[in-house]
Amino acid sequence: MRRVTAIVPALLAALMLVVVPAVNARADLLGGKMTLRDENKMGHDFDQILRAQQNMVGDTYITDYVAEVVARVVTGKRPMPFHVKSAVIANPLINAFAIPGGYIYIFTGLIQSVDTESQLAGVIAHELAHVSQRHVVSRIEKQKKVTLLSTAGMLAGLLLGIAAGGGNAAQAGQALVIGSQGAATAAMLHYSQDDEREADHVGLNSLVAAGYNPEGMPQTFEIMLKNKWYDNSSSMPSYLSTHPGTAERITYLNDRIARMPKEFLERKDDNTRLKRVQALIRSRMSPANTALAYWDDMKQSDYTPMDWVGRGITLERLKRLDEAQTAFEKALSLAKDDPLVVREAGIFYFKSGQADRALGLLQKASIMNKDDAMALFYLARLQAEAKQYGEAARNMRKVNELVPEDWEVHHHLGMILGESGDVFGGNLHLAYAAVYSMRLDKAREYLKRANELAQTQEQKDQVRELEDAIQARAQIGK
């Protein structure tokens, strides 16, 4: 539902990982310990800021797959002190990170770079080990005295780097953060070798306990090292900059794995869903010419239906609509009952202005997979264009239930409700769109209008909930 607009600087994840917890830490940390409640608050605040500023993947086919891999890894980590929550960031960097409170973020660049699910699970297991072993929190506690900073100043430094996508502005943003926080924060920008060794040890244990092939963990680190020697722009594994000693850790992991039972190494992954997710990411989020070169290098006789879909999406991005339509029709001829193939064909026909063809496909896709947010999203938009506001609102509300904090979904729902005559509901959801994109002044404008329109007790309660949501966002990081 969103487009990739910029590349996050390679150090961003590391900065955010430690800066936000430092901002939120309370003065009573003098000699004290952070509670699980403190860690949950840190994680929640960080998550809200990140979602407002980054291109979060809203396609539930992708996010559900990642969440299932994460959940499987967590089964090997019982007991886990937090309820783990995952999200996918639309960014080509090979990166992943987890923060206190059990929040884990996977970059699309990492998903695209792995060959097997065990490799993806290996990074997830390692990151969750950093959380369960409280490596970041322990560093904060060891500072003994945490300087409380202006949230606005701190975020200004971070956002300066984000908006620039690198270069001098990004360096200036980093300098602002470091200058405000001082040497103590600078020392926390990297995990220590001891932290990494423990995360490797604990993570490998959970990977094995979850039923994955343990070789997945060192294999992913080897992929990252290999990428290090190629193009050092969008594909540079920023993961390496925040996780030191990778080469030595690969040796350690391989030594441990060599002593494991043979049957662990014979475990096989079912990579079917991974490959389908990768086709979506490559076609939507890679440079279009690069994606097309990938499919041009393949023999078309070897194409799966999803390869035809990926080729079609890429050609549509390149405005080669006739060729794109041919690709989608080929995919449908091979897999007319595949929900993902049907959905993507429906989205293509919606974008290319063929409403009748799109309607049948999107309806079919949403019936086959009632939890497919993308199918419902485009179906609702199509119905709104046909002025079928009742059905459009019902379907967009379903999308809102599946991805409740997606500002774009709230925006479209607000527009649909407003056009249907529900002015109160329109203003309410446009306000939430502004809340979740951190445009709080605009949110307050819509709040005022909704408050003036509220008549029933239910509407007044909804206004109060909106007020609370705006207030909560305004307090993040304070």
Protein backbone atom coordinates (compact mmCIF):
# COMPACT_ATOMS: atom_id res chain seq x y z
CA MET A 1 0.00 0.00 0.00
CA ARG A 2 3.03 2.26 0.21
CA ARG A 3 5.99 3.11 -1.93
CA VAL A 4 9.63 3.00 -0.97
CA THR A 5 10.74 6.64 -1.02
CA ALA A 6 14.23 6.64 0.45
CA ILE A 7 17.00 4.43 1.71
CA VAL A 8 17.47 4.59 5.47
CA PRO A 9 21.07 5.38 6.40
CA ALA A 10 22.98 2.27 7.35
CA LEU A 11 23.46 3.43 10.92
CA LEU A 12 19.82 4.37 11.49
CA ALA A 13 18.80 1.09 13.03
CA ALA A 14 21.67 1.18 15.49
CA LEU A 15 20.98 4.79 16.42
CA MET A 16 17.30 4.19 16.99
CA LEU A 17 17.98 0.99 18.83
CA VAL A 18 19.76 2.80 21.64
CA VAL A 19 18.73 6.43 21.37
CA VAL A 20 15.00 6.00 21.94
CA PRO A 21 15.47 3.81 25.02
CA ALA A 22 17.93 6.39 26.34
CA VAL A 23 15.41 9.19 25.82
CA ASN A 24 12.68 7.28 27.59
CA ALA A 25 14.78 6.07 30.49
CA ARG A 26 13.81 7.67 33.75
CA ALA A 27 16.08 9.52 36.12
CA ASP A 28 15.43 6.88 38.77
CA LEU A 29 17.80 4.55 36.94
CA LEU A 30 20.55 5.80 39.24
CA GLY A 31 21.81 2.46 40.45
CA GLY A 32 18.42 0.86 39.75
CA LYS A 33 17.08 -1.74 37.38
CA MET A 34 14.62 -1.32 34.58
CA THR A 35 11.42 -3.28 34.97
CA LEU A 36 9.65 -5.23 32.24
CA ARG A 37 7.07 -2.45 32.29
CA ASP A 38 9.82 0.08 31.51
CA GLU A 39 11.02 -2.07 28.63
CA ASN A 40 7.51 -2.45 27.25
CA LYS A 41 7.04 1.34 27.38
CA MET A 42 10.31 1.85 25.51
CA GLY A 43 9.35 -0.65 22.86
CA HIS A 44 5.86 0.75 22.41
CA ASP A 45 7.07 4.35 22.05
CA PHE A 46 9.81 3.36 19.63
CA ASP A 47 7.35 1.34 17.56
CA GLN A 48 4.94 4.26 17.27
CA ILE A 49 7.69 6.61 16.10
CA LEU A 50 9.08 4.10 13.64
CA ARG A 51 5.69 3.34 12.09
CA ALA A 52 5.04 7.03 11.57
CA GLN A 53 8.37 7.64 9.84
CA GLN A 54 9.18 4.48 7.91
CA ASN A 55 7.68 2.65 4.96
CA MET A 56 6.04 -0.26 6.76
CA VAL A 57 4.84 -3.14 4.62
CA GLY A 58 1.06 -3.39 4.85
CA ASP A 59 0.61 -6.48 2.68
CA THR A 60 -0.66 -9.12 5.10
CA TYR A 61 0.58 -11.91 2.80
CA ILE A 62 4.13 -10.74 3.55
CA THR A 63 3.69 -9.69 7.16
CA ASP A 64 1.74 -12.81 8.14
CA TYR A 65 4.49 -15.01 6.70
CA VAL A 66 7.18 -13.18 8.67
CA ALA A 67 5.03 -13.27 11.82
CA GLU A 68 4.65 -17.03 11.47
CA VAL A 69 8.41 -17.52 11.18
CA VAL A 70 8.92 -15.29 14.22
CA ALA A 71 6.26 -17.19 16.19
CA ARG A 72 7.93 -20.49 15.32
CA VAL A 73 11.29 -19.21 16.56
CA VAL A 74 9.64 -17.99 19.77
CA THR A 75 8.39 -21.53 20.44
CA GLY A 76 12.06 -22.46 20.84
CA LYS A 77 12.64 -19.63 23.31
CA ARG A 78 10.06 -20.40 25.96
CA PRO A 79 9.74 -18.77 28.37
CA MET A 80 10.00 -15.41 26.60
CA PRO A 81 9.50 -12.38 28.90
CA PHE A 82 7.61 -10.42 26.22
CA HIS A 83 4.83 -10.93 23.73
CA VAL A 84 6.86 -10.68 20.53
CA LYS A 85 5.52 -8.36 17.83
CA SER A 86 6.99 -8.32 14.33
CA ALA A 87 6.85 -5.85 11.46
CA VAL A 88 8.41 -5.59 8.01
CA ILE A 89 10.13 -2.43 6.78
CA ALA A 90 10.14 -1.76 3.04
CA ASN A 91 13.84 -1.07 2.63
CA PRO A 92 16.52 -2.75 0.47
CA LEU A 93 19.17 -2.80 3.18
CA ILE A 94 20.12 -6.24 4.49
CA ASN A 95 19.11 -5.60 8.06
CA ALA A 96 16.99 -6.65 11.02
CA PHE A 97 16.85 -5.48 14.61
CA ALA A 98 14.90 -6.08 17.78
CA ILE A 99 14.29 -3.68 20.65
CA PRO A 100 13.35 -3.96 24.32
CA GLY A 101 9.75 -4.97 24.79
CA GLY A 102 9.89 -7.74 22.18
CA TYR A 103 9.50 -5.72 18.98
CA ILE A 104 11.37 -7.09 15.96
CA TYR A 105 11.74 -5.49 12.54
CA ILE A 106 12.77 -7.28 9.36
CA PHE A 107 13.90 -5.33 6.31
CA THR A 108 12.69 -6.48 2.91
CA GLY A 109 16.32 -6.46 1.78
CA LEU A 110 17.07 -9.26 4.24
CA ILE A 111 14.06 -11.31 3.15
CA GLN A 112 15.17 -10.91 -0.46
CA SER A 113 18.76 -11.97 0.23
CA VAL A 114 18.17 -15.36 1.92
CA ASP A 115 17.85 -18.68 0.13
CA THR A 116 15.97 -20.64 2.79
CA GLU A 117 13.55 -20.06 5.63
CA SER A 118 16.13 -21.40 8.09
CA GLN A 119 18.44 -18.55 7.10
CA LEU A 120 15.74 -15.96 7.76
CA ALA A 121 14.85 -17.68 11.03
CA GLY A 122 18.52 -17.65 12.03
CA VAL A 123 18.67 -13.86 12.01
CA ILE A 124 15.35 -13.64 13.84
CA ALA A 125 16.58 -16.06 16.51
CA HIS A 126 19.77 -14.05 16.96
CA GLU A 127 17.89 -10.74 17.28
CA LEU A 128 15.37 -12.10 19.77
CA ALA A 129 18.26 -13.41 21.84
CA HIS A 130 19.55 -9.85 22.19
CA VAL A 131 16.13 -8.95 23.63
CA SER A 132 15.72 -11.94 25.92
CA GLN A 133 19.26 -11.47 27.26
CA ARG A 134 18.54 -7.74 27.79
CA HIS A 135 21.73 -6.56 26.09
CA VAL A 136 20.54 -3.03 25.29
CA VAL A 137 18.80 -2.60 28.63
CA SER A 138 21.88 -3.77 30.50
CA ARG A 139 23.94 -1.11 28.78
CA ILE A 140 21.43 1.56 29.76
CA GLU A 141 21.44 0.34 33.36
CA LYS A 142 25.25 0.40 33.45
CA GLN A 143 25.27 4.08 32.55
CA LYS A 144 23.90 4.67 36.08
CA LYS A 145 22.93 8.20 35.11
CA VAL A 146 20.89 8.73 31.98
CA THR A 147 20.66 12.23 30.56
CA LEU A 148 17.09 13.12 29.69
CA LEU A 149 16.91 14.88 26.33
CA SER A 150 14.41 16.90 24.40
CA THR A 151 12.42 14.43 22.32
CA ALA A 152 12.04 17.01 19.56
CA GLY A 153 15.78 17.59 19.37
CA MET A 154 16.54 13.90 19.32
CA LEU A 155 13.99 13.11 16.63
CA ALA A 156 15.12 16.10 14.57
CA GLY A 157 18.57 14.55 14.38
CA LEU A 158 17.20 11.17 13.38
CA LEU A 159 14.73 12.51 10.87
CA LEU A 160 17.35 14.70 9.22
CA GLY A 161 19.25 11.56 8.33
CA ILE A 162 16.11 9.69 7.28
CA ALA A 163 14.89 12.40 4.95
CA ALA A 164 18.27 12.73 3.27
CA GLY A 165 18.75 9.02 2.78
CA GLY A 166 22.47 9.36 3.47
CA GLY A 167 25.26 11.78 2.72
CA ASN A 168 26.14 14.93 4.61
CA ALA A 169 22.65 15.52 5.93
CA ALA A 170 22.54 12.05 7.41
CA GLN A 171 25.92 12.64 9.00
CA ALA A 172 24.66 15.93 10.38
CA GLY A 173 21.68 14.15 11.86
CA GLN A 174 23.94 11.57 13.46
CA ALA A 175 26.16 14.35 14.80
CA LEU A 176 23.17 16.09 16.37
CA VAL A 177 22.16 12.90 18.15
CA ILE A 178 25.66 12.07 19.33
CA GLY A 179 26.33 15.65 20.31
CA SER A 180 23.21 15.76 22.46
CA GLN A 181 23.75 12.43 24.12
CA GLY A 182 27.51 12.52 24.44
CA ALA A 183 30.09 9.77 24.60
CA ALA A 184 27.88 7.49 26.68
CA THR A 185 25.46 6.94 23.81
CA ALA A 186 28.26 6.66 21.26
CA ALA A 187 29.63 3.74 23.25
CA MET A 188 26.26 2.00 22.99
CA LEU A 189 26.00 2.11 19.19
CA HIS A 190 27.44 -1.37 18.74
CA TYR A 191 26.86 -4.68 20.44
CA SER A 192 29.94 -6.01 22.19
CA GLN A 193 31.67 -9.24 21.19
CA ASP A 194 30.36 -10.81 24.39
CA ASP A 195 26.81 -9.75 23.52
CA GLU A 196 27.17 -11.26 20.06
CA ARG A 197 28.58 -14.53 21.34
CA GLU A 198 25.73 -14.90 23.82
CA ALA A 199 23.10 -13.99 21.20
CA ASP A 200 24.64 -16.55 18.82
CA HIS A 201 24.61 -19.21 21.52
CA VAL A 202 21.06 -18.54 22.76
CA GLY A 203 19.74 -17.89 19.26
CA LEU A 204 21.18 -21.12 17.87
CA ASN A 205 19.58 -23.08 20.68
CA SER A 206 16.15 -21.57 19.94
CA LEU A 207 16.62 -22.11 16.20
CA VAL A 208 17.22 -25.82 16.76
CA ALA A 209 14.41 -26.11 19.31
CA ALA A 210 12.02 -24.55 16.78
CA GLY A 211 12.83 -27.31 14.30
CA TYR A 212 14.99 -25.35 11.88
CA ASN A 213 18.28 -26.43 10.36
CA PRO A 214 20.98 -24.78 12.53
CA GLU A 215 23.16 -24.12 9.48
CA GLY A 216 20.73 -21.34 8.56
CA MET A 217 22.32 -18.93 11.07
CA PRO A 218 25.95 -18.98 9.85
CA GLN A 219 24.77 -19.22 6.24
CA THR A 220 22.98 -15.87 6.53
CA PHE A 221 26.04 -14.22 8.03
CA GLU A 222 28.07 -15.61 5.14
CA ILE A 223 25.60 -14.10 2.67
CA MET A 224 26.05 -10.74 4.38
CA LEU A 225 29.83 -10.95 4.22
CA LYS A 226 29.64 -11.85 0.56
CA ASN A 227 27.43 -8.84 -0.16
CA LYS A 228 29.90 -6.63 1.69
CA TRP A 229 32.36 -7.00 -1.16
CA TYR A 230 29.87 -6.00 -3.86
CA ASP A 231 28.00 -2.76 -4.38
CA ASN A 232 28.14 -0.85 -1.11
CA SER A 233 25.08 1.33 -1.66
CA SER A 234 21.53 -0.05 -1.36
CA SER A 235 22.65 -3.65 -0.90
CA MET A 236 25.28 -2.99 1.77
CA PRO A 237 24.51 -5.18 4.79
CA SER A 238 24.09 -2.49 7.43
CA TYR A 239 23.61 -5.39 9.82
CA LEU A 240 27.39 -5.84 9.80
CA SER A 241 27.98 -2.32 11.07
CA THR A 242 26.03 -2.98 14.26
CA HIS A 243 27.02 -6.61 14.84
CA PRO A 244 30.81 -6.90 15.12
CA GLY A 245 33.08 -9.90 14.64
CA THR A 246 30.90 -11.65 12.08
CA ALA A 247 33.66 -13.75 10.52
CA GLU A 248 34.81 -15.08 13.92
CA ARG A 249 31.22 -15.77 14.90
CA ILE A 250 30.66 -17.85 11.78
CA THR A 251 33.59 -20.03 12.83
CA TYR A 252 32.16 -20.39 16.34
CA LEU A 253 28.73 -21.32 15.02
CA ASN A 254 30.10 -23.86 12.56
CA ASP A 255 32.16 -25.47 15.32
CA ARG A 256 29.06 -25.83 17.48
CA ILE A 257 26.97 -27.15 14.63
CA ALA A 258 29.59 -29.75 13.74
CA ARG A 259 29.01 -31.36 17.15
CA MET A 260 25.22 -31.53 16.78
CA PRO A 261 23.29 -34.69 15.87
CA LYS A 262 23.33 -35.40 12.16
CA GLU A 263 19.54 -35.30 11.89
CA PHE A 264 19.55 -31.59 12.79
CA LEU A 265 21.64 -30.86 9.71
CA GLU A 266 19.35 -32.94 7.50
CA ARG A 267 16.28 -30.83 8.24
CA LYS A 268 14.71 -29.45 5.06
CA ASP A 269 12.77 -26.23 4.66
CA ASP A 270 9.59 -25.81 2.70
CA ASN A 271 10.56 -22.55 0.98
CA THR A 272 7.41 -22.24 -1.13
CA ARG A 273 5.96 -19.26 0.73
CA LEU A 274 9.36 -17.61 1.04
CA LYS A 275 9.80 -17.69 -2.74
CA ARG A 276 6.31 -16.24 -3.27
CA VAL A 277 7.03 -13.45 -0.80
CA GLN A 278 10.36 -12.78 -2.51
CA ALA A 279 8.61 -12.49 -5.89
CA LEU A 280 6.33 -9.79 -4.44
CA ILE A 281 9.22 -7.90 -2.83
CA ARG A 282 11.45 -8.09 -5.90
CA SER A 283 8.73 -6.93 -8.31
CA ARG A 284 7.33 -4.15 -6.12
CA MET A 285 10.31 -2.84 -4.18
CA SER A 286 13.46 -3.46 -6.22
CA PRO A 287 14.38 -0.98 -8.98
CA ALA A 288 12.08 -1.95 -11.85
CA ASN A 289 14.85 -2.43 -14.40
CA THR A 290 16.79 -4.63 -11.97
CA ALA A 291 13.70 -6.74 -11.29
CA LEU A 292 12.97 -7.13 -14.98
CA ALA A 293 16.57 -8.21 -15.63
CA TYR A 294 16.07 -10.99 -13.06
CA TRP A 295 13.10 -12.40 -14.97
CA ASP A 296 14.72 -11.79 -18.35
CA ASP A 297 17.64 -13.96 -17.23
CA MET A 298 15.28 -16.87 -16.54
CA LYS A 299 13.96 -19.21 -19.20
CA GLN A 300 10.23 -18.61 -19.45
CA SER A 301 9.75 -22.34 -19.60
CA ASP A 302 11.00 -22.39 -15.98
CA TYR A 303 8.59 -19.68 -14.78
CA THR A 304 6.19 -20.48 -11.96
CA PRO A 305 2.85 -18.65 -11.89
CA MET A 306 4.37 -16.23 -9.37
CA ASP A 307 7.25 -15.52 -11.74
CA TRP A 308 4.69 -14.43 -14.32
CA VAL A 309 3.01 -12.31 -11.63
CA GLY A 310 6.33 -10.74 -10.65
CA ARG A 311 7.14 -10.02 -14.27
CA GLY A 312 3.70 -8.48 -14.74
CA ILE A 313 4.02 -6.20 -11.70
CA THR A 314 7.46 -5.07 -12.90
CA LEU A 315 6.27 -4.36 -16.45
CA GLU A 316 3.30 -2.41 -15.07
CA ARG A 317 5.75 -0.25 -13.08
CA LEU A 318 7.65 0.37 -16.33
CA LYS A 319 4.36 1.41 -18.05
CA ARG A 320 4.59 -1.51 -20.48
CA LEU A 321 0.95 -2.34 -19.90
CA ASP A 322 0.30 -4.63 -22.87
CA GLU A 323 3.23 -6.85 -21.93
CA ALA A 324 2.18 -6.74 -18.29
CA GLN A 325 -1.33 -7.87 -19.17
CA THR A 326 0.08 -10.76 -21.20
CA ALA A 327 2.12 -11.84 -18.16
CA PHE A 328 -0.88 -11.71 -15.83
CA GLU A 329 -3.05 -13.65 -18.24
CA LYS A 330 -0.33 -16.31 -18.45
CA ALA A 331 -0.25 -16.51 -14.65
CA LEU A 332 -4.02 -16.88 -14.49
CA SER A 333 -3.99 -19.59 -17.15
CA LEU A 334 -1.58 -21.59 -14.99
CA ALA A 335 -3.13 -20.88 -11.57
CA LYS A 336 -6.61 -19.42 -11.86
CA ASP A 337 -7.48 -20.55 -8.32
CA ASP A 338 -4.32 -19.32 -6.60
CA PRO A 339 -5.52 -16.49 -4.29
CA LEU A 340 -2.28 -14.53 -4.60
CA VAL A 341 -2.16 -14.78 -8.39
CA VAL A 342 -5.82 -13.75 -8.64
CA ARG A 343 -5.30 -10.84 -6.25
CA GLU A 344 -2.29 -9.44 -8.09
CA ALA A 345 -4.06 -9.74 -11.44
CA GLY A 346 -7.03 -7.89 -9.94
CA ILE A 347 -4.79 -5.10 -8.66
CA PHE A 348 -3.22 -4.78 -12.12
CA TYR A 349 -6.58 -4.46 -13.83
CA PHE A 350 -7.66 -1.90 -11.20
CA LYS A 351 -4.56 0.21 -11.82
CA SER A 352 -4.89 -0.07 -15.59
CA GLY A 353 -8.49 1.16 -15.50
CA GLN A 354 -10.23 -2.11 -16.40
CA ALA A 355 -12.79 -2.00 -13.61
CA ASP A 356 -15.04 -4.85 -14.69
CA ARG A 357 -12.15 -7.32 -14.98
CA ALA A 358 -10.66 -6.10 -11.71
CA LEU A 359 -13.92 -6.45 -9.80
CA GLY A 360 -14.39 -10.14 -10.50
CA LEU A 361 -10.80 -10.99 -9.66
CA LEU A 362 -10.65 -8.95 -6.45
CA GLN A 363 -13.96 -10.38 -5.26
CA LYS A 364 -12.71 -13.89 -5.94
CA ALA A 365 -9.40 -13.22 -4.15
CA SER A 366 -11.12 -11.77 -1.07
CA ILE A 367 -13.44 -14.78 -0.88
CA MET A 368 -10.57 -17.25 -1.16
CA ASN A 369 -8.58 -15.39 1.50
CA LYS A 370 -10.81 -13.27 3.72
CA ASP A 371 -7.79 -11.93 5.62
CA ASP A 372 -5.98 -10.58 2.57
CA ALA A 373 -5.78 -6.88 3.33
CA MET A 374 -4.50 -5.94 -0.13
CA ALA A 375 -7.36 -7.67 -1.96
CA LEU A 376 -9.95 -6.00 0.28
CA PHE A 377 -8.19 -2.63 0.07
CA TYR A 378 -8.34 -2.47 -3.71
CA LEU A 379 -11.82 -4.01 -3.82
CA ALA A 380 -13.07 -1.27 -1.49
CA ARG A 381 -11.46 1.43 -3.61
CA LEU A 382 -13.04 -0.03 -6.73
CA GLN A 383 -16.45 -0.10 -5.07
CA ALA A 384 -16.02 3.49 -3.92
CA GLU A 385 -15.26 4.58 -7.47
CA ALA A 386 -18.52 2.92 -8.51
CA LYS A 387 -20.24 4.85 -5.69
CA GLN A 388 -21.11 1.61 -3.89
CA TYR A 389 -20.30 3.29 -0.62
CA GLY A 390 -21.93 0.80 1.72
CA GLU A 391 -19.91 -2.17 0.47
CA ALA A 392 -16.80 -0.04 0.08
CA ALA A 393 -17.00 1.08 3.72
CA ARG A 394 -17.61 -2.47 4.98
CA ASN A 395 -14.59 -3.82 3.12
CA MET A 396 -12.29 -0.94 4.09
CA ARG A 397 -13.33 -1.42 7.73
CA LYS A 398 -12.22 -5.04 7.42
CA VAL A 399 -8.86 -3.82 6.13
CA ASN A 400 -8.70 -1.45 9.09
CA GLU A 401 -9.21 -4.38 11.44
CA LEU A 402 -6.34 -6.26 9.78
CA VAL A 403 -3.93 -3.30 9.74
CA PRO A 404 -5.34 -0.94 12.38
CA GLU A 405 -2.55 1.65 12.39
CA ASP A 406 -2.06 2.10 8.65
CA TRP A 407 -2.60 5.80 7.92
CA GLU A 408 -3.43 5.17 4.26
CA VAL A 409 -6.26 2.79 5.16
CA HIS A 410 -7.73 5.35 7.56
CA HIS A 411 -7.42 8.01 4.85
CA HIS A 412 -9.34 6.00 2.27
CA LEU A 413 -11.95 4.94 4.84
CA GLY A 414 -12.41 8.56 5.85
CA MET A 415 -12.86 9.62 2.23
CA ILE A 416 -15.35 6.81 1.57
CA LEU A 417 -17.41 7.69 4.64
CA GLY A 418 -17.35 11.39 3.82
CA GLU A 419 -18.50 10.80 0.25
CA SER A 420 -21.28 8.54 1.51
CA GLY A 421 -22.64 11.32 3.72
CA ASP A 422 -21.16 10.14 7.04
CA VAL A 423 -19.29 13.38 7.69
CA PHE A 424 -18.60 12.52 11.32
CA GLY A 425 -17.03 9.16 10.41
CA GLY A 426 -15.09 10.79 7.60
CA ASN A 427 -13.50 13.35 9.90
CA LEU A 428 -12.86 10.72 12.56
CA HIS A 429 -10.84 8.47 10.26
CA LEU A 430 -9.05 11.32 8.52
CA ALA A 431 -7.95 12.34 12.02
CA TYR A 432 -6.61 8.85 12.67
CA ALA A 433 -4.79 8.99 9.32
CA ALA A 434 -3.08 12.13 10.56
CA VAL A 435 -2.37 10.56 13.96
CA TYR A 436 -0.66 7.52 12.48
CA SER A 437 1.42 9.65 10.12
CA MET A 438 2.38 11.90 13.08
CA ARG A 439 0.73 15.02 11.64
CA LEU A 440 -0.78 15.93 14.98
CA ASP A 441 -1.80 19.50 14.11
CA LYS A 442 -3.87 18.16 11.22
CA ALA A 443 -5.28 15.45 13.51
CA ARG A 444 -6.48 18.12 15.92
CA GLU A 445 -8.23 19.97 13.08
CA TYR A 446 -10.20 16.85 12.15
CA LEU A 447 -10.82 16.15 15.84
CA LYS A 448 -12.41 19.57 16.24
CA ARG A 449 -14.73 18.94 13.28
CA ALA A 450 -15.66 15.46 14.54
CA ASN A 451 -16.37 16.85 18.00
CA GLU A 452 -18.69 19.49 16.54
CA LEU A 453 -20.55 16.77 14.58
CA ALA A 454 -20.82 14.21 17.40
CA GLN A 455 -24.41 13.69 18.49
CA THR A 456 -24.85 10.20 19.90
CA GLN A 457 -23.12 8.87 22.99
CA GLU A 458 -21.23 6.40 20.83
CA GLN A 459 -19.86 9.23 18.68
CA LYS A 460 -18.86 11.21 21.76
CA ASP A 461 -17.03 8.16 23.10
CA GLN A 462 -15.22 7.81 19.76
CA VAL A 463 -14.14 11.45 20.00
CA ARG A 464 -12.72 10.83 23.47
CA GLU A 465 -10.82 7.79 22.18
CA LEU A 466 -9.42 9.94 19.38
CA GLU A 467 -8.38 12.61 21.88
CA ASP A 468 -6.57 9.94 23.90
CA ALA A 469 -4.81 8.66 20.78
CA ILE A 470 -3.59 12.16 19.87
CA GLN A 471 -2.46 12.79 23.43
CA ALA A 472 -0.62 9.46 23.55
CA ARG A 473 1.22 10.27 20.32
CA ALA A 474 2.10 13.72 21.61
CA GLN A 475 3.60 12.17 24.75
CA ILE A 476 5.78 9.62 22.96
CA GLY A 477 9.33 9.93 24.09
CA LYS A 478 8.61 12.52 26.78
